[in-house]
Amino acid sequence: MTGTPRSALLVVDLQNDFCAGPLAAARYPGDPERPARVAANSVRAVELARAAGLDVLFVRFLGDPVHQGPAWRRRDALLGKQPKCLEGSWGAEFHGVRPRPGEEVFTKRAVLDAFLDERLEPYLRRRGIDHLVLVGLFADVCVDSTARTAFQRGFHLTVLRDCTTALHLADADILRFMARVYGARVTDLADGPFVSPSLPGPAAASLPSEPVAPQ
């Protein structure tokens, strides 16, 4: 990528089934208020990015069984997991915010990585975007899967720790992993995260050195 660095906010799976209601509460093992705080902070990130004139890109998950592969269906059957974010349902709707006209929505049909919507990378290339600021759910599932591919495709990364939380791991562990392996800058919404890093690199120094439970 060449030219002036350009940032975009990528909002991952900020949907009702992950943020609100009994299904979300039953799945999240930590403080039940944490997903609500993360969602509110993510909505604030959208507002700030819009005010700064950045591209705001939304990613949504659709978990209908018709989209699931055999391994996905087998896992759900073994674990007794119910499908989430069914197309057309309240659970699949965006939580706390709606895309504005002209803001792109990318769809993951029973997959984790936003780059599996084949429209995403060409869009970023056309717009000259080389820096993605990631918010949304969950840090150790879809946010990490998307960050991994973004790094491998050459995009610089910022992950907002107060705008995401992990489902299966301690927040500090997955954030440290993304900083060290993907060179992600890990910071907070208040710290001016939308400027593309001129010297991208791990932000591990700002992370706790020992694992901590999700906040």
Protein backbone atom coordinates (compact mmCIF):
# COMPACT_ATOMS: atom_id res chain seq x y z
CA MET A 1 0.00 0.00 0.00
CA THR A 2 1.31 3.45 -0.91
CA GLY A 3 0.37 7.06 -0.41
CA THR A 4 -0.95 8.79 2.68
CA PRO A 5 -1.86 6.26 5.39
CA ARG A 6 -5.60 6.00 5.86
CA SER A 7 -7.50 4.52 8.80
CA ALA A 8 -10.89 2.87 9.03
CA LEU A 9 -12.97 1.67 11.96
CA LEU A 10 -14.05 -1.97 11.63
CA VAL A 11 -17.01 -2.76 13.89
CA VAL A 12 -17.15 -6.53 14.43
CA ASP A 13 -20.40 -8.32 15.32
CA LEU A 14 -21.97 -5.58 17.41
CA GLN A 15 -25.25 -7.51 17.33
CA ASN A 16 -27.98 -8.18 19.85
CA ASP A 17 -27.27 -11.89 20.33
CA PHE A 18 -23.72 -11.01 21.42
CA CYS A 19 -24.50 -7.85 23.41
CA ALA A 20 -27.93 -8.08 25.02
CA GLY A 21 -30.72 -10.38 26.07
CA PRO A 22 -30.71 -13.79 27.75
CA LEU A 23 -28.65 -15.56 25.07
CA ALA A 24 -25.80 -13.09 25.39
CA ALA A 25 -25.95 -13.18 29.19
CA ALA A 26 -25.94 -16.97 29.31
CA ARG A 27 -22.85 -17.25 27.10
CA TYR A 28 -20.57 -14.64 28.69
CA PRO A 29 -18.66 -16.07 31.68
CA GLY A 30 -17.46 -12.81 33.22
CA ASP A 31 -19.10 -9.69 34.61
CA PRO A 32 -22.52 -9.64 32.90
CA GLU A 33 -22.26 -5.86 32.55
CA ARG A 34 -19.02 -6.07 30.59
CA PRO A 35 -20.53 -6.73 27.12
CA ALA A 36 -22.93 -3.81 27.62
CA ARG A 37 -20.02 -1.49 28.48
CA VAL A 38 -18.03 -2.75 25.51
CA ALA A 39 -21.02 -2.17 23.23
CA ALA A 40 -21.54 1.36 24.54
CA ASN A 41 -17.85 2.16 24.06
CA SER A 42 -17.97 0.72 20.54
CA VAL A 43 -20.94 2.94 19.71
CA ARG A 44 -18.93 5.90 20.97
CA ALA A 45 -16.03 4.81 18.74
CA VAL A 46 -18.39 4.88 15.76
CA GLU A 47 -19.48 8.40 16.65
CA LEU A 48 -15.88 9.62 16.97
CA ALA A 49 -14.77 7.94 13.76
CA ARG A 50 -17.66 9.50 11.85
CA ALA A 51 -16.82 12.92 13.27
CA ALA A 52 -13.22 12.43 12.14
CA GLY A 53 -14.34 11.59 8.62
CA LEU A 54 -13.12 7.98 8.72
CA ASP A 55 -14.65 5.07 6.89
CA VAL A 56 -16.84 3.15 9.35
CA LEU A 57 -17.28 -0.46 8.25
CA PHE A 58 -19.68 -2.90 9.86
CA VAL A 59 -19.26 -6.66 10.04
CA ARG A 60 -22.22 -8.88 10.89
CA PHE A 61 -22.46 -12.59 11.65
CA LEU A 62 -25.28 -14.82 10.44
CA GLY A 63 -25.35 -18.23 12.11
CA ASP A 64 -28.26 -19.95 10.37
CA PRO A 65 -27.76 -23.74 10.14
CA VAL A 66 -28.07 -23.49 6.34
CA HIS A 67 -24.79 -21.54 6.35
CA GLN A 68 -22.96 -23.92 8.71
CA GLY A 69 -20.47 -26.47 7.48
CA PRO A 70 -20.45 -30.08 8.76
CA ALA A 71 -17.80 -29.40 11.43
CA TRP A 72 -19.74 -26.40 12.73
CA ARG A 73 -22.97 -28.40 12.94
CA ARG A 74 -21.19 -31.31 14.65
CA ARG A 75 -19.62 -29.01 17.24
CA ASP A 76 -22.96 -27.38 18.02
CA ALA A 77 -24.63 -30.77 18.37
CA LEU A 78 -21.90 -32.06 20.71
CA LEU A 79 -21.97 -28.93 22.89
CA GLY A 80 -25.71 -28.29 22.71
CA LYS A 81 -25.11 -24.84 21.22
CA GLN A 82 -28.02 -22.99 19.67
CA PRO A 83 -27.53 -21.01 16.45
CA LYS A 84 -27.16 -17.27 16.95
CA CYS A 85 -27.90 -14.22 14.83
CA LEU A 86 -30.44 -15.90 12.59
CA GLU A 87 -31.07 -13.90 9.45
CA GLY A 88 -33.99 -11.52 9.88
CA SER A 89 -34.15 -11.97 13.66
CA TRP A 90 -33.80 -9.41 16.45
CA GLY A 91 -30.63 -11.20 17.53
CA ALA A 92 -28.94 -10.50 14.19
CA GLU A 93 -29.69 -6.78 14.28
CA PHE A 94 -26.93 -4.31 15.10
CA HIS A 95 -26.88 -3.24 18.75
CA GLY A 96 -26.95 0.42 19.71
CA VAL A 97 -26.01 1.74 16.28
CA ARG A 98 -27.06 1.43 12.66
CA PRO A 99 -24.97 1.82 9.51
CA ARG A 100 -25.60 5.11 7.78
CA PRO A 101 -26.22 5.34 4.04
CA GLY A 102 -22.90 4.80 2.32
CA GLU A 103 -21.34 2.84 5.20
CA GLU A 104 -20.47 -0.66 4.05
CA VAL A 105 -21.72 -3.83 5.75
CA PHE A 106 -19.78 -7.07 5.34
CA THR A 107 -21.40 -10.39 6.18
CA LYS A 108 -19.93 -13.57 7.68
CA ARG A 109 -22.18 -16.56 7.08
CA ALA A 110 -21.23 -19.02 9.84
CA VAL A 111 -17.56 -18.05 9.63
CA LEU A 112 -15.38 -16.02 11.99
CA ASP A 113 -13.06 -14.00 9.76
CA ALA A 114 -14.47 -10.83 8.17
CA PHE A 115 -12.07 -11.26 5.24
CA LEU A 116 -14.11 -14.31 4.21
CA ASP A 117 -16.56 -11.79 2.83
CA GLU A 118 -14.60 -11.42 -0.38
CA ARG A 119 -15.73 -7.82 -0.80
CA LEU A 120 -13.81 -6.57 2.24
CA GLU A 121 -10.21 -6.57 1.05
CA PRO A 122 -10.95 -5.07 -2.40
CA TYR A 123 -12.92 -2.31 -0.68
CA LEU A 124 -10.00 -1.51 1.62
CA ARG A 125 -7.55 -1.48 -1.29
CA ARG A 126 -9.74 0.81 -3.38
CA ARG A 127 -10.07 3.25 -0.50
CA GLY A 128 -6.33 3.24 0.23
CA ILE A 129 -6.94 2.01 3.78
CA ASP A 130 -3.87 0.52 5.42
CA HIS A 131 -4.81 0.77 9.11
CA LEU A 132 -7.78 -0.93 10.76
CA VAL A 133 -9.08 0.01 14.20
CA LEU A 134 -10.99 -2.98 15.57
CA VAL A 135 -13.88 -2.87 18.02
CA GLY A 136 -16.64 -5.33 18.83
CA LEU A 137 -17.08 -8.94 19.88
CA PHE A 138 -15.44 -11.20 20.73
CA ALA A 139 -11.74 -10.43 21.14
CA ASP A 140 -10.63 -14.07 21.10
CA VAL A 141 -13.01 -15.24 18.36
CA CYS A 142 -14.07 -13.02 15.45
CA VAL A 143 -11.93 -9.99 16.33
CA ASP A 144 -8.82 -12.15 16.53
CA SER A 145 -9.69 -14.12 13.38
CA THR A 146 -10.12 -10.89 11.45
CA ALA A 147 -6.98 -9.33 12.92
CA ARG A 148 -4.93 -12.38 11.95
CA THR A 149 -5.87 -12.17 8.30
CA ALA A 150 -5.54 -8.38 8.26
CA PHE A 151 -1.97 -8.68 9.55
CA GLN A 152 -1.10 -11.34 6.99
CA ARG A 153 -2.51 -9.14 4.20
CA GLY A 154 -0.33 -6.21 5.30
CA PHE A 155 -2.75 -4.02 7.25
CA HIS A 156 -1.64 -2.18 10.38
CA LEU A 157 -3.86 -2.84 13.39
CA THR A 158 -5.15 -1.05 16.45
CA VAL A 159 -7.36 -2.91 18.93
CA LEU A 160 -9.34 -0.87 21.45
CA ARG A 161 -9.25 -2.75 24.71
CA ASP A 162 -12.22 -0.87 26.19
CA CYS A 163 -14.28 -1.65 23.07
CA THR A 164 -13.86 -5.43 23.07
CA THR A 165 -13.85 -8.39 25.44
CA ALA A 166 -12.98 -12.06 25.17
CA LEU A 167 -15.41 -14.96 25.46
CA HIS A 168 -13.13 -17.90 26.30
CA LEU A 169 -9.82 -16.35 27.40
CA ALA A 170 -8.70 -13.61 29.76
CA ASP A 171 -8.87 -10.25 28.01
CA ALA A 172 -5.23 -9.46 28.79
CA ASP A 173 -4.04 -12.74 27.27
CA ILE A 174 -5.65 -12.32 23.87
CA LEU A 175 -4.72 -8.63 23.67
CA ARG A 176 -1.11 -9.47 24.50
CA PHE A 177 -1.18 -12.19 21.85
CA MET A 178 -2.43 -9.80 19.16
CA ALA A 179 0.16 -7.20 20.13
CA ARG A 180 3.07 -9.64 19.99
CA VAL A 181 2.06 -11.77 17.02
CA TYR A 182 0.30 -9.24 14.78
CA GLY A 183 2.12 -6.09 15.92
CA ALA A 184 -1.22 -4.62 16.93
CA ARG A 185 -1.29 -1.40 18.86
CA VAL A 186 -3.52 -2.02 21.90
CA THR A 187 -4.93 1.15 23.38
CA ASP A 188 -8.07 2.82 24.68
CA LEU A 189 -10.69 4.92 22.97
CA ALA A 190 -9.55 8.05 24.82
CA ASP A 191 -6.00 7.77 23.48
CA GLY A 192 -6.58 8.97 19.91
CA PRO A 193 -6.58 5.57 18.21
CA PHE A 194 -7.52 6.64 14.68
CA VAL A 195 -4.14 7.94 13.52
CA SER A 196 -2.31 5.34 11.46
CA PRO A 197 0.83 4.26 13.35
CA SER A 198 3.96 5.43 11.54
CA LEU A 199 6.05 2.78 13.24
CA PRO A 200 3.61 -0.03 13.98
CA GLY A 201 4.70 -2.53 16.56
CA PRO A 202 3.65 -4.46 19.64
CA ALA A 203 2.03 -2.54 22.46
CA ALA A 204 2.80 -5.30 24.93
CA ALA A 205 4.47 -2.89 27.33
CA SER A 206 1.07 -1.39 28.07
CA LEU A 207 -0.43 -4.77 28.93
CA PRO A 208 -0.33 -6.60 32.26
CA SER A 209 2.47 -9.13 32.47
CA GLU A 210 0.30 -11.71 34.20
CA PRO A 211 -3.04 -13.14 33.04
CA VAL A 212 -6.06 -11.49 34.56
CA ALA A 213 -9.71 -12.47 34.53
CA PRO A 214 -12.00 -10.69 32.07
CA GLN A 215 -13.17 -7.36 33.43
